[in-house]
Amino acid sequence: MTKASNALLIGDFAPLHLGHLADINHAAGIADMLHIVITPPAKRPLPSGRTANLSDVARWVQVACQQFGFIKIHTTQSLGLDIAFDYQEDTRLDDGQLSQVCQALAIDMTSTQVYQANLDAGLQSQRMAICQHPLQHFDQLAPACRYFYTQTVCIVGGESSGKTTLIHKLANHYGANIALEMGRLYTHSHLGGTELGLQYSDYLPIAINHAKAIMNATANATAPITLIDTDFATTQAFCEVYENRTHPVVASLADHFRADFTIYLDNNVTWVADGMRRLGDTKARSHFAQTLLDILARHDIRHHVINDADYHERYQQAVSWIDMQILGKTPTILTQHPQDTTL
């Protein structure tokens, strides 16, 4: 069978999923050059309120296809077109629309084939479910767009409030990536393992390293949520408590580089000394916690409070809240493993 000179694949690729990528592979095989024309995506806000725009989708498809010299990516906007068409639907481009597209692409209409998916009802339903509930089908999303869809969940609280332990338990539960607390890592890598030498000039590299860690964790997202151990408001709280002044770069990051969701752990659990923390007495812990709450309010960072004094109950509550508020599903019922009765 002779290949066409050009093939057209036109549609909405938000979210870009593995079905789309399979279709692109097939469409590329029917012609010497495949032209993908991306139409404006349907507005489907994520729990965070984020909604993909045409440039977002173009980026995902471009990244997924960048190794293929026989594929060219376009948008209806870049071509100056106004067409409503999706290759997955049971519709056809009429001759006038096809002529308009070919003219915009400067290709010969007579040697151009329009790719049509011809999906059965079951596959059509499956793809619609991915589009409507991408977080519940995260494993079906193309790697190129997972950073956009994963919802960042930050755990904040005072020193020794159980943040890091909870983060790792949640990571085990959801199979999620973690952006670790950079202040703790920096203390070990640059300060000799304690906060004794910590000073104002250290807060800039701590904040920058934390921003990089968040970007790396989301760029390689493995789950519908990505976990962040502390935020820039927490870094600012340490700066204000220890240095008695506000750091402008940290403040800017708190405003412009924020997590999608924040969980605040109350300081009502037992203090655990780790050789690094300074705020062991009740008064100092309370002062820090209040400073953190004030900074969260200052930057209008809304947060869900977990104040149970039992660590496992905190974990249970966090899972239930994430399941309901972010993933939109019935909360996971966490039960203890049955006792081993083997003699």
Protein backbone atom coordinates (compact mmCIF):
# COMPACT_ATOMS: atom_id res chain seq x y z
CA MET A 1 0.00 0.00 0.00
CA THR A 2 1.39 3.38 -1.04
CA LYS A 3 1.80 5.91 1.75
CA ALA A 4 0.22 9.34 1.51
CA SER A 5 2.58 12.28 1.45
CA ASN A 6 0.90 13.84 4.49
CA ALA A 7 -1.39 12.72 7.29
CA LEU A 8 -3.47 14.95 9.57
CA LEU A 9 -4.20 14.20 13.22
CA ILE A 10 -6.46 16.91 14.61
CA GLY A 11 -7.92 17.09 18.10
CA ASP A 12 -7.84 17.95 21.80
CA PHE A 13 -4.97 16.20 23.58
CA ALA A 14 -5.72 17.29 27.16
CA PRO A 15 -4.73 15.32 29.07
CA LEU A 16 -2.23 13.66 26.77
CA HIS A 17 -2.54 9.95 27.53
CA LEU A 18 -1.11 6.65 26.34
CA GLY A 19 -4.03 6.15 23.93
CA HIS A 20 -3.09 9.39 22.19
CA LEU A 21 0.52 8.27 21.91
CA ALA A 22 -0.53 4.94 20.39
CA ASP A 23 -2.69 6.81 17.86
CA ILE A 24 0.22 9.10 16.99
CA ASN A 25 2.40 6.04 16.35
CA HIS A 26 -0.24 4.57 14.03
CA ALA A 27 -0.96 7.85 12.24
CA ALA A 28 2.75 8.37 11.60
CA GLY A 29 2.79 5.06 9.72
CA ILE A 30 0.25 6.03 7.06
CA ALA A 31 2.18 8.95 5.55
CA ASP A 32 5.65 10.34 5.03
CA MET A 33 4.88 13.35 7.25
CA LEU A 34 2.36 13.54 10.07
CA HIS A 35 0.93 16.95 10.94
CA ILE A 36 -0.65 17.11 14.41
CA VAL A 37 -3.02 20.06 14.80
CA ILE A 38 -4.01 20.73 18.41
CA THR A 39 -7.38 22.34 19.08
CA PRO A 40 -8.17 24.42 22.20
CA PRO A 41 -8.57 22.01 25.13
CA ALA A 42 -11.86 21.56 26.97
CA LYS A 43 -11.91 23.36 30.32
CA ARG A 44 -11.60 20.65 32.99
CA PRO A 45 -10.19 22.26 36.17
CA LEU A 46 -8.13 20.08 38.49
CA PRO A 47 -8.82 20.09 42.26
CA SER A 48 -6.17 22.82 42.54
CA GLY A 49 -8.06 24.93 39.99
CA ARG A 50 -5.35 24.53 37.37
CA THR A 51 -6.64 24.22 33.79
CA ALA A 52 -4.59 23.30 30.74
CA ASN A 53 -4.36 25.87 27.95
CA LEU A 54 -3.38 25.44 24.30
CA SER A 55 0.29 26.18 24.96
CA ASP A 56 0.42 23.57 27.75
CA VAL A 57 -0.96 20.87 25.45
CA ALA A 58 1.37 21.88 22.60
CA ARG A 59 4.32 21.51 24.98
CA TRP A 60 3.28 17.99 26.01
CA VAL A 61 2.81 16.76 22.44
CA GLN A 62 6.04 18.43 21.34
CA VAL A 63 8.00 16.76 24.16
CA ALA A 64 6.45 13.36 23.40
CA CYS A 65 7.27 13.64 19.68
CA GLN A 66 10.52 15.58 19.69
CA GLN A 67 12.61 12.60 18.55
CA PHE A 68 10.50 12.11 15.41
CA GLY A 69 11.58 14.22 12.44
CA PHE A 70 8.56 12.98 10.49
CA ILE A 71 6.07 14.64 12.85
CA LYS A 72 5.26 18.35 12.92
CA ILE A 73 3.23 19.95 15.70
CA HIS A 74 0.85 22.86 15.15
CA THR A 75 -2.02 24.52 16.98
CA THR A 76 -5.16 26.00 15.47
CA GLN A 77 -3.94 29.31 16.86
CA SER A 78 -0.51 29.11 15.21
CA LEU A 79 -2.23 28.28 11.89
CA GLY A 80 -4.93 30.91 12.24
CA LEU A 81 -7.66 28.26 12.02
CA ASP A 82 -11.08 28.13 13.65
CA ILE A 83 -12.22 24.52 13.43
CA ALA A 84 -13.92 22.25 15.95
CA PHE A 85 -12.86 18.69 15.20
CA ASP A 86 -11.46 15.72 17.12
CA TYR A 87 -10.08 12.65 15.37
CA GLN A 88 -11.55 10.40 18.12
CA GLU A 89 -15.15 11.42 17.42
CA ASP A 90 -17.47 10.00 14.78
CA THR A 91 -17.29 13.05 12.52
CA ARG A 92 -15.49 13.98 9.32
CA LEU A 93 -13.80 17.09 7.99
CA ASP A 94 -15.76 18.39 5.02
CA ASP A 95 -13.89 19.37 1.87
CA GLY A 96 -13.98 23.05 2.78
CA GLN A 97 -12.43 22.45 6.21
CA LEU A 98 -9.81 20.08 4.79
CA SER A 99 -8.88 22.62 2.14
CA GLN A 100 -8.58 25.30 4.80
CA VAL A 101 -6.24 23.16 6.92
CA CYS A 102 -4.09 22.08 3.98
CA GLN A 103 -3.79 25.67 2.80
CA ALA A 104 -2.66 26.78 6.27
CA LEU A 105 -0.07 23.97 6.31
CA ALA A 106 1.00 24.62 2.70
CA ILE A 107 0.47 20.96 1.75
CA ASP A 108 -1.30 19.29 -1.18
CA MET A 109 -4.87 18.32 -0.31
CA THR A 110 -4.96 15.49 -2.86
CA SER A 111 -2.04 13.67 -1.22
CA THR A 112 -3.24 14.17 2.36
CA GLN A 113 -5.02 11.61 4.53
CA VAL A 114 -7.01 12.52 7.66
CA TYR A 115 -6.45 10.06 10.51
CA GLN A 116 -9.63 8.80 12.20
CA ALA A 117 -9.53 6.67 15.36
CA ASN A 118 -12.74 4.65 14.85
CA LEU A 119 -13.01 3.75 18.54
CA ASP A 120 -15.46 1.17 19.84
CA ALA A 121 -17.86 2.15 22.61
CA GLY A 122 -15.75 0.61 25.38
CA LEU A 123 -12.54 2.36 24.37
CA GLN A 124 -14.38 5.64 23.81
CA SER A 125 -15.80 5.38 27.34
CA GLN A 126 -12.37 4.57 28.78
CA ARG A 127 -10.76 7.58 27.13
CA MET A 128 -13.55 9.86 28.29
CA ALA A 129 -13.00 8.65 31.86
CA ILE A 130 -9.30 9.54 31.61
CA CYS A 131 -10.16 13.04 30.40
CA GLN A 132 -12.81 13.64 33.06
CA HIS A 133 -10.91 12.06 35.97
CA PRO A 134 -7.19 12.21 35.11
CA LEU A 135 -6.03 11.81 38.73
CA GLN A 136 -7.89 8.52 39.03
CA HIS A 137 -6.18 7.29 35.84
CA PHE A 138 -2.76 8.82 36.47
CA ASP A 139 -0.93 5.71 35.24
CA GLN A 140 -2.55 6.25 31.82
CA LEU A 141 -1.25 9.81 31.43
CA ALA A 142 1.70 10.42 29.14
CA PRO A 143 4.92 11.13 31.08
CA ALA A 144 5.19 14.50 29.31
CA CYS A 145 2.12 15.90 31.11
CA ARG A 146 2.25 14.23 34.53
CA TYR A 147 4.05 17.21 36.10
CA PHE A 148 0.99 19.35 35.27
CA TYR A 149 -1.62 16.97 36.66
CA THR A 150 0.04 15.78 39.85
CA GLN A 151 -1.28 17.78 42.79
CA THR A 152 1.36 19.02 45.23
CA VAL A 153 0.56 18.41 48.89
CA CYS A 154 2.74 20.18 51.44
CA ILE A 155 2.98 19.10 55.09
CA VAL A 156 3.86 21.93 57.47
CA GLY A 157 4.08 22.39 61.22
CA GLY A 158 6.48 23.22 63.98
CA GLU A 159 9.63 21.34 64.89
CA SER A 160 9.06 17.74 65.97
CA SER A 161 5.45 17.75 64.81
CA GLY A 162 5.87 14.55 62.79
CA LYS A 163 6.03 16.12 59.31
CA THR A 164 8.79 13.98 57.82
CA THR A 165 7.48 10.71 59.23
CA LEU A 166 3.99 11.46 57.89
CA ILE A 167 5.42 12.44 54.49
CA HIS A 168 7.20 9.11 54.12
CA LYS A 169 4.16 7.12 55.25
CA LEU A 170 2.00 8.95 52.69
CA ALA A 171 4.64 8.34 50.01
CA ASN A 172 4.50 4.63 50.77
CA HIS A 173 0.70 4.68 50.63
CA TYR A 174 0.36 6.55 47.32
CA GLY A 175 3.65 5.64 45.65
CA ALA A 176 4.38 9.36 45.48
CA ASN A 177 7.56 11.38 45.00
CA ILE A 178 8.82 13.60 47.82
CA ALA A 179 10.50 17.00 47.81
CA LEU A 180 12.50 16.66 51.02
CA GLU A 181 12.98 19.39 53.62
CA MET A 182 15.97 21.33 52.32
CA GLY A 183 16.70 23.03 55.63
CA ARG A 184 17.45 19.66 57.22
CA LEU A 185 19.58 18.48 54.29
CA TYR A 186 21.44 21.79 54.16
CA THR A 187 22.18 21.59 57.87
CA HIS A 188 23.91 18.25 57.33
CA SER A 189 25.69 19.18 54.08
CA HIS A 190 26.84 22.71 54.99
CA LEU A 191 26.56 23.24 58.75
CA GLY A 192 28.03 20.08 60.22
CA GLY A 193 24.76 18.51 61.33
CA THR A 194 23.41 21.13 63.75
CA GLU A 195 21.83 24.58 63.47
CA LEU A 196 24.56 26.14 65.63
CA GLY A 197 26.16 27.89 62.66
CA LEU A 198 22.92 28.77 60.85
CA GLN A 199 22.70 32.44 59.82
CA TYR A 200 20.66 34.79 57.65
CA SER A 201 22.74 34.20 54.49
CA ASP A 202 21.83 30.49 54.56
CA TYR A 203 18.11 31.05 53.94
CA LEU A 204 18.59 31.98 50.26
CA PRO A 205 20.34 28.72 49.23
CA ILE A 206 17.94 26.71 51.38
CA ALA A 207 14.95 28.27 49.59
CA ILE A 208 16.50 27.91 46.12
CA ASN A 209 17.39 24.26 46.77
CA HIS A 210 13.85 23.65 48.01
CA ALA A 211 12.37 25.16 44.83
CA LYS A 212 14.61 22.91 42.72
CA ALA A 213 13.60 19.86 44.75
CA ILE A 214 9.90 20.62 44.19
CA MET A 215 10.42 21.04 40.45
CA ASN A 216 12.38 17.79 40.24
CA ALA A 217 9.77 15.87 42.25
CA THR A 218 6.87 17.08 40.10
CA ALA A 219 8.79 16.67 36.83
CA ASN A 220 9.22 12.99 37.69
CA ALA A 221 5.79 12.53 39.29
CA THR A 222 4.87 8.91 39.95
CA ALA A 223 1.42 9.47 41.48
CA PRO A 224 -1.55 11.86 41.36
CA ILE A 225 -0.07 13.65 44.36
CA THR A 226 3.51 14.82 44.95
CA LEU A 227 4.51 15.42 48.56
CA ILE A 228 6.49 18.40 49.87
CA ASP A 229 8.15 18.37 53.28
CA THR A 230 7.65 21.92 54.62
CA ASP A 231 7.14 25.06 52.51
CA PHE A 232 8.62 28.53 52.09
CA ALA A 233 6.37 29.87 54.85
CA THR A 234 8.07 27.43 57.23
CA THR A 235 11.51 28.55 56.04
CA GLN A 236 10.43 32.14 56.63
CA ALA A 237 9.20 31.25 60.11
CA PHE A 238 12.63 29.91 61.04
CA CYS A 239 14.24 33.06 59.62
CA GLU A 240 11.95 35.34 61.62
CA VAL A 241 12.31 33.36 64.85
CA TYR A 242 16.09 32.86 64.61
CA GLU A 243 17.14 36.07 62.80
CA ASN A 244 14.33 38.47 63.77
CA ARG A 245 13.80 39.57 60.17
CA THR A 246 11.97 38.56 57.01
CA HIS A 247 13.81 37.30 53.95
CA PRO A 248 12.45 38.95 50.75
CA VAL A 249 13.33 36.07 48.39
CA VAL A 250 11.70 33.52 50.66
CA ALA A 251 8.63 35.79 50.88
CA SER A 252 8.45 36.02 47.09
CA LEU A 253 8.68 32.24 46.74
CA ALA A 254 5.92 31.83 49.32
CA ASP A 255 3.70 34.04 47.14
CA HIS A 256 4.58 32.74 43.70
CA PHE A 257 5.73 29.14 44.14
CA ARG A 258 3.03 27.59 46.27
CA ALA A 259 1.78 24.08 46.80
CA ASP A 260 -1.66 23.12 45.56
CA PHE A 261 -2.70 21.94 49.03
CA THR A 262 -1.27 22.37 52.51
CA ILE A 263 -1.77 20.26 55.63
CA TYR A 264 -0.82 21.82 58.96
CA LEU A 265 0.17 19.52 61.83
CA ASP A 266 -0.53 20.93 65.27
CA ASN A 267 2.33 20.98 67.78
CA ASN A 268 0.58 18.74 70.31
CA VAL A 269 2.77 15.66 70.08
CA THR A 270 5.76 14.79 72.24
CA TRP A 271 9.00 16.64 71.54
CA VAL A 272 11.69 14.35 70.08
CA ALA A 273 15.28 15.60 70.19
CA ASP A 274 17.32 14.75 67.08
CA GLY A 275 20.51 16.65 67.88
CA MET A 276 19.60 19.45 65.47
CA ARG A 277 16.44 21.13 66.79
CA ARG A 278 16.60 24.18 69.05
CA LEU A 279 13.02 24.78 70.13
CA GLY A 280 12.57 22.10 72.77
CA ASP A 281 10.65 23.96 75.46
CA THR A 282 6.90 24.44 75.26
CA LYS A 283 7.05 28.24 75.07
CA ALA A 284 9.53 28.27 72.17
CA ARG A 285 7.55 25.65 70.26
CA SER A 286 4.33 27.59 70.72
CA HIS A 287 5.98 30.82 69.58
CA PHE A 288 7.29 29.17 66.42
CA ALA A 289 3.93 27.55 65.66
CA GLN A 290 2.13 30.88 66.01
CA THR A 291 4.74 32.59 63.82
CA LEU A 292 4.19 29.96 61.15
CA LEU A 293 0.40 30.37 61.32
CA ASP A 294 0.80 34.14 61.04
CA ILE A 295 2.99 33.76 57.95
CA LEU A 296 0.55 31.32 56.34
CA ALA A 297 -2.19 33.91 56.87
CA ARG A 298 0.05 36.71 55.57
CA HIS A 299 0.51 34.86 52.28
CA ASP A 300 -3.09 33.65 52.16
CA ILE A 301 -2.02 30.00 52.23
CA ARG A 302 -5.11 28.03 53.14
CA HIS A 303 -4.46 24.84 55.02
CA HIS A 304 -6.18 21.80 56.46
CA VAL A 305 -5.44 21.29 60.17
CA ILE A 306 -4.74 17.87 61.69
CA ASN A 307 -4.52 18.11 65.47
CA ASP A 308 -4.94 14.58 66.77
CA ALA A 309 -2.14 13.74 69.21
CA ASP A 310 -1.83 10.15 67.96
CA TYR A 311 0.64 9.73 65.08
CA HIS A 312 -1.21 6.87 63.39
CA GLU A 313 -4.50 8.74 63.63
CA ARG A 314 -2.82 11.72 61.94
CA TYR A 315 -1.80 9.42 59.10
CA GLN A 316 -5.32 8.02 58.82
CA GLN A 317 -6.84 11.51 58.74
CA ALA A 318 -4.34 12.70 56.10
CA VAL A 319 -5.13 9.77 53.81
CA SER A 320 -8.89 10.26 54.19
CA TRP A 321 -8.63 13.99 53.47
CA ILE A 322 -6.41 13.50 50.40
CA ASP A 323 -8.69 10.78 49.04
CA MET A 324 -11.83 12.90 49.41
CA GLN A 325 -10.64 16.45 48.73
CA ILE A 326 -7.99 15.84 46.07
CA LEU A 327 -8.54 12.47 44.45
CA GLY A 328 -12.34 12.63 44.59
CA LYS A 329 -12.83 9.09 45.76
CA THR A 330 -14.16 7.23 48.77
CA PRO A 331 -11.62 7.46 51.60
CA THR A 332 -9.30 4.50 51.94
CA ILE A 333 -10.16 2.36 54.96
CA LEU A 334 -6.88 1.72 56.76
CA THR A 335 -6.92 -1.40 58.89
CA GLN A 336 -4.25 -3.06 60.95
CA HIS A 337 -2.68 -6.22 59.55
CA PRO A 338 -4.11 -9.33 61.20
CA GLN A 339 -2.02 -10.77 63.99
CA ASP A 340 0.21 -13.67 62.96
CA THR A 341 -1.22 -16.73 64.68
CA THR A 342 1.36 -19.15 63.32
CA LEU A 343 2.85 -21.31 66.08
